[in-house]
Amino acid sequence: MIDRLTDNLEKYMDLLDVRQKLVASNIANADTPGYKTEDLDFQSAFTQALHGQNPEPVQPTGLTTKNDGNNVDLDREARLLAENALRFSVATNLMKSQLTRIKEAIKETTI
């Protein structure tokens, strides 16, 4: 751990990775009879991650279940992919900025 902010950003990015895998699994199983969509309650999952716990996937409510028992909504999953990519981009930029500040502070103390 470099500092608290970078540690929290790392946990946040790890959660984004978990969500990406869940969304990919949902899309891959869009035609699997009986498959139920999984996702993260992001706020709860982040709180769990901050306390060293592994996030638990949840089944979102309010999704329409098809005749075969599958409730994957491809439009929802596409939106989540885009949202996840945006969140990852912002987190990456924050991490780069933080690491640049740390690097500059180290340079100043060694001069």
C-alpha atoms as a PDB file:
ATOM      1  CA  MET A   1       0.000   0.000   0.000  1.00  0.00           C
ATOM      2  CA  ILE A   2       1.454   3.338  -1.049  1.00  0.00           C
ATOM      3  CA  ASP A   3      -1.203   5.409   0.707  1.00  0.00           C
ATOM      4  CA  ARG A   4      -4.884   5.208   1.565  1.00  0.00           C
ATOM      5  CA  LEU A   5      -6.099   6.788  -1.673  1.00  0.00           C
ATOM      6  CA  THR A   6      -4.145   4.451  -3.947  1.00  0.00           C
ATOM      7  CA  ASP A   7      -5.232   1.489  -1.817  1.00  0.00           C
ATOM      8  CA  ASN A   8      -8.884   2.505  -2.151  1.00  0.00           C
ATOM      9  CA  LEU A   9      -8.501   3.101  -5.878  1.00  0.00           C
ATOM     10  CA  GLU A  10      -6.980  -0.354  -6.232  1.00  0.00           C
ATOM     11  CA  LYS A  11      -9.960  -1.910  -4.427  1.00  0.00           C
ATOM     12  CA  TYR A  12     -12.348   0.119  -6.582  1.00  0.00           C
ATOM     13  CA  MET A  13     -10.637  -1.069  -9.758  1.00  0.00           C
ATOM     14  CA  ASP A  14     -10.717  -4.665  -8.502  1.00  0.00           C
ATOM     15  CA  LEU A  15     -14.491  -4.302  -8.069  1.00  0.00           C
ATOM     16  CA  LEU A  16     -14.794  -2.984 -11.597  1.00  0.00           C
ATOM     17  CA  ASP A  17     -12.948  -6.099 -12.760  1.00  0.00           C
ATOM     18  CA  VAL A  18     -15.402  -8.323 -10.866  1.00  0.00           C
ATOM     19  CA  ARG A  19     -18.352  -6.460 -12.368  1.00  0.00           C
ATOM     20  CA  GLN A  20     -16.862  -6.746 -15.858  1.00  0.00           C
ATOM     21  CA  LYS A  21     -16.641 -10.520 -15.440  1.00  0.00           C
ATOM     22  CA  LEU A  22     -20.222 -10.720 -14.160  1.00  0.00           C
ATOM     23  CA  VAL A  23     -21.546  -8.686 -17.094  1.00  0.00           C
ATOM     24  CA  ALA A  24     -19.542 -10.797 -19.562  1.00  0.00           C
ATOM     25  CA  SER A  25     -20.991 -13.935 -17.970  1.00  0.00           C
ATOM     26  CA  ASN A  26     -24.507 -12.505 -18.215  1.00  0.00           C
ATOM     27  CA  ILE A  27     -24.030 -11.756 -21.910  1.00  0.00           C
ATOM     28  CA  ALA A  28     -22.525 -15.186 -22.561  1.00  0.00           C
ATOM     29  CA  ASN A  29     -25.550 -16.792 -20.905  1.00  0.00           C
ATOM     30  CA  ALA A  30     -28.216 -14.627 -22.550  1.00  0.00           C
ATOM     31  CA  ASP A  31     -29.679 -17.706 -24.256  1.00  0.00           C
ATOM     32  CA  THR A  32     -29.176 -20.184 -21.403  1.00  0.00           C
ATOM     33  CA  PRO A  33     -32.545 -21.368 -20.095  1.00  0.00           C
ATOM     34  CA  GLY A  34     -33.037 -20.591 -16.413  1.00  0.00           C
ATOM     35  CA  TYR A  35     -29.954 -18.355 -16.142  1.00  0.00           C
ATOM     36  CA  LYS A  36     -30.371 -15.461 -13.689  1.00  0.00           C
ATOM     37  CA  THR A  37     -28.504 -12.178 -14.118  1.00  0.00           C
ATOM     38  CA  GLU A  38     -25.839 -11.414 -11.521  1.00  0.00           C
ATOM     39  CA  ASP A  39     -24.405  -8.032 -10.658  1.00  0.00           C
ATOM     40  CA  LEU A  40     -22.859  -6.131  -7.766  1.00  0.00           C
ATOM     41  CA  ASP A  41     -24.597  -3.727  -5.452  1.00  0.00           C
ATOM     42  CA  PHE A  42     -21.651  -1.440  -6.065  1.00  0.00           C
ATOM     43  CA  GLN A  43     -21.992   0.691  -2.931  1.00  0.00           C
ATOM     44  CA  SER A  44     -22.247  -2.346  -0.643  1.00  0.00           C
ATOM     45  CA  ALA A  45     -19.509  -4.188  -2.509  1.00  0.00           C
ATOM     46  CA  PHE A  46     -17.138  -1.231  -2.177  1.00  0.00           C
ATOM     47  CA  THR A  47     -17.862  -0.965   1.540  1.00  0.00           C
ATOM     48  CA  GLN A  48     -17.166  -4.698   1.884  1.00  0.00           C
ATOM     49  CA  ALA A  49     -13.913  -4.334  -0.074  1.00  0.00           C
ATOM     50  CA  LEU A  50     -12.787  -1.470   2.178  1.00  0.00           C
ATOM     51  CA  HIS A  51     -13.255  -3.812   5.134  1.00  0.00           C
ATOM     52  CA  GLY A  52     -11.283  -6.616   3.471  1.00  0.00           C
ATOM     53  CA  GLN A  53     -14.302  -8.708   2.509  1.00  0.00           C
ATOM     54  CA  ASN A  54     -14.961 -10.250  -0.885  1.00  0.00           C
ATOM     55  CA  PRO A  55     -17.945  -8.784  -2.731  1.00  0.00           C
ATOM     56  CA  GLU A  56     -20.979 -11.018  -3.091  1.00  0.00           C
ATOM     57  CA  PRO A  57     -22.868 -10.982  -6.401  1.00  0.00           C
ATOM     58  CA  VAL A  58     -26.585 -10.231  -6.198  1.00  0.00           C
ATOM     59  CA  GLN A  59     -29.499 -10.899  -8.503  1.00  0.00           C
ATOM     60  CA  PRO A  60     -30.961  -7.562  -9.588  1.00  0.00           C
ATOM     61  CA  THR A  61     -34.687  -7.110  -9.131  1.00  0.00           C
ATOM     62  CA  GLY A  62     -37.144  -5.794 -11.668  1.00  0.00           C
ATOM     63  CA  LEU A  63     -35.809  -7.688 -14.676  1.00  0.00           C
ATOM     64  CA  THR A  64     -38.261  -9.323 -17.034  1.00  0.00           C
ATOM     65  CA  THR A  65     -38.052 -13.107 -17.008  1.00  0.00           C
ATOM     66  CA  LYS A  66     -38.546 -14.784 -20.376  1.00  0.00           C
ATOM     67  CA  ASN A  67     -40.542 -17.971 -20.880  1.00  0.00           C
ATOM     68  CA  ASP A  68     -37.391 -20.079 -20.490  1.00  0.00           C
ATOM     69  CA  GLY A  69     -36.646 -18.568 -17.050  1.00  0.00           C
ATOM     70  CA  ASN A  70     -33.748 -16.424 -18.282  1.00  0.00           C
ATOM     71  CA  ASN A  71     -33.785 -12.754 -17.247  1.00  0.00           C
ATOM     72  CA  VAL A  72     -30.722 -11.323 -19.043  1.00  0.00           C
ATOM     73  CA  ASP A  73     -31.488  -7.927 -20.597  1.00  0.00           C
ATOM     74  CA  LEU A  74     -28.837  -7.275 -23.263  1.00  0.00           C
ATOM     75  CA  ASP A  75     -29.575  -3.532 -23.340  1.00  0.00           C
ATOM     76  CA  ARG A  76     -28.949  -3.329 -19.583  1.00  0.00           C
ATOM     77  CA  GLU A  77     -25.745  -5.331 -19.902  1.00  0.00           C
ATOM     78  CA  ALA A  78     -24.474  -3.097 -22.736  1.00  0.00           C
ATOM     79  CA  ARG A  79     -25.176  -0.032 -20.584  1.00  0.00           C
ATOM     80  CA  LEU A  80     -23.290  -1.616 -17.672  1.00  0.00           C
ATOM     81  CA  LEU A  81     -20.307  -2.355 -19.941  1.00  0.00           C
ATOM     82  CA  ALA A  82     -20.176   1.294 -21.015  1.00  0.00           C
ATOM     83  CA  GLU A  83     -20.600   2.522 -17.431  1.00  0.00           C
ATOM     84  CA  ASN A  84     -17.902   0.162 -16.208  1.00  0.00           C
ATOM     85  CA  ALA A  85     -15.489   1.323 -18.918  1.00  0.00           C
ATOM     86  CA  LEU A  86     -16.106   4.963 -17.961  1.00  0.00           C
ATOM     87  CA  ARG A  87     -15.585   4.244 -14.260  1.00  0.00           C
ATOM     88  CA  PHE A  88     -12.370   2.349 -15.023  1.00  0.00           C
ATOM     89  CA  SER A  89     -11.074   5.217 -17.157  1.00  0.00           C
ATOM     90  CA  VAL A  90     -11.737   7.746 -14.387  1.00  0.00           C
ATOM     91  CA  ALA A  91     -10.130   5.491 -11.751  1.00  0.00           C
ATOM     92  CA  THR A  92      -7.098   4.913 -13.984  1.00  0.00           C
ATOM     93  CA  ASN A  93      -6.639   8.650 -14.482  1.00  0.00           C
ATOM     94  CA  LEU A  94      -6.928   9.265 -10.736  1.00  0.00           C
ATOM     95  CA  MET A  95      -4.376   6.540 -10.049  1.00  0.00           C
ATOM     96  CA  LYS A  96      -1.961   7.980 -12.630  1.00  0.00           C
ATOM     97  CA  SER A  97      -2.338  11.425 -11.089  1.00  0.00           C
ATOM     98  CA  GLN A  98      -1.733  10.102  -7.579  1.00  0.00           C
ATOM     99  CA  LEU A  99       1.333   8.130  -8.640  1.00  0.00           C
ATOM    100  CA  THR A 100       2.714  11.179 -10.462  1.00  0.00           C
ATOM    101  CA  ARG A 101       2.341  13.253  -7.279  1.00  0.00           C
ATOM    102  CA  ILE A 102       4.125  10.602  -5.246  1.00  0.00           C
ATOM    103  CA  LYS A 103       6.899  10.374  -7.838  1.00  0.00           C
ATOM    104  CA  GLU A 104       7.360  14.159  -7.784  1.00  0.00           C
ATOM    105  CA  ALA A 105       7.469  14.174  -3.978  1.00  0.00           C
ATOM    106  CA  ILE A 106      10.178  11.497  -4.016  1.00  0.00           C
ATOM    107  CA  LYS A 107      12.206  13.477  -6.582  1.00  0.00           C
ATOM    108  CA  GLU A 108      12.023  16.602  -4.415  1.00  0.00           C
ATOM    109  CA  THR A 109      13.174  14.811  -1.271  1.00  0.00           C
ATOM    110  CA  THR A 110      16.172  13.237  -3.021  1.00  0.00           C
ATOM    111  CA  ILE A 111      17.461  16.520  -4.438  1.00  0.00           C
END
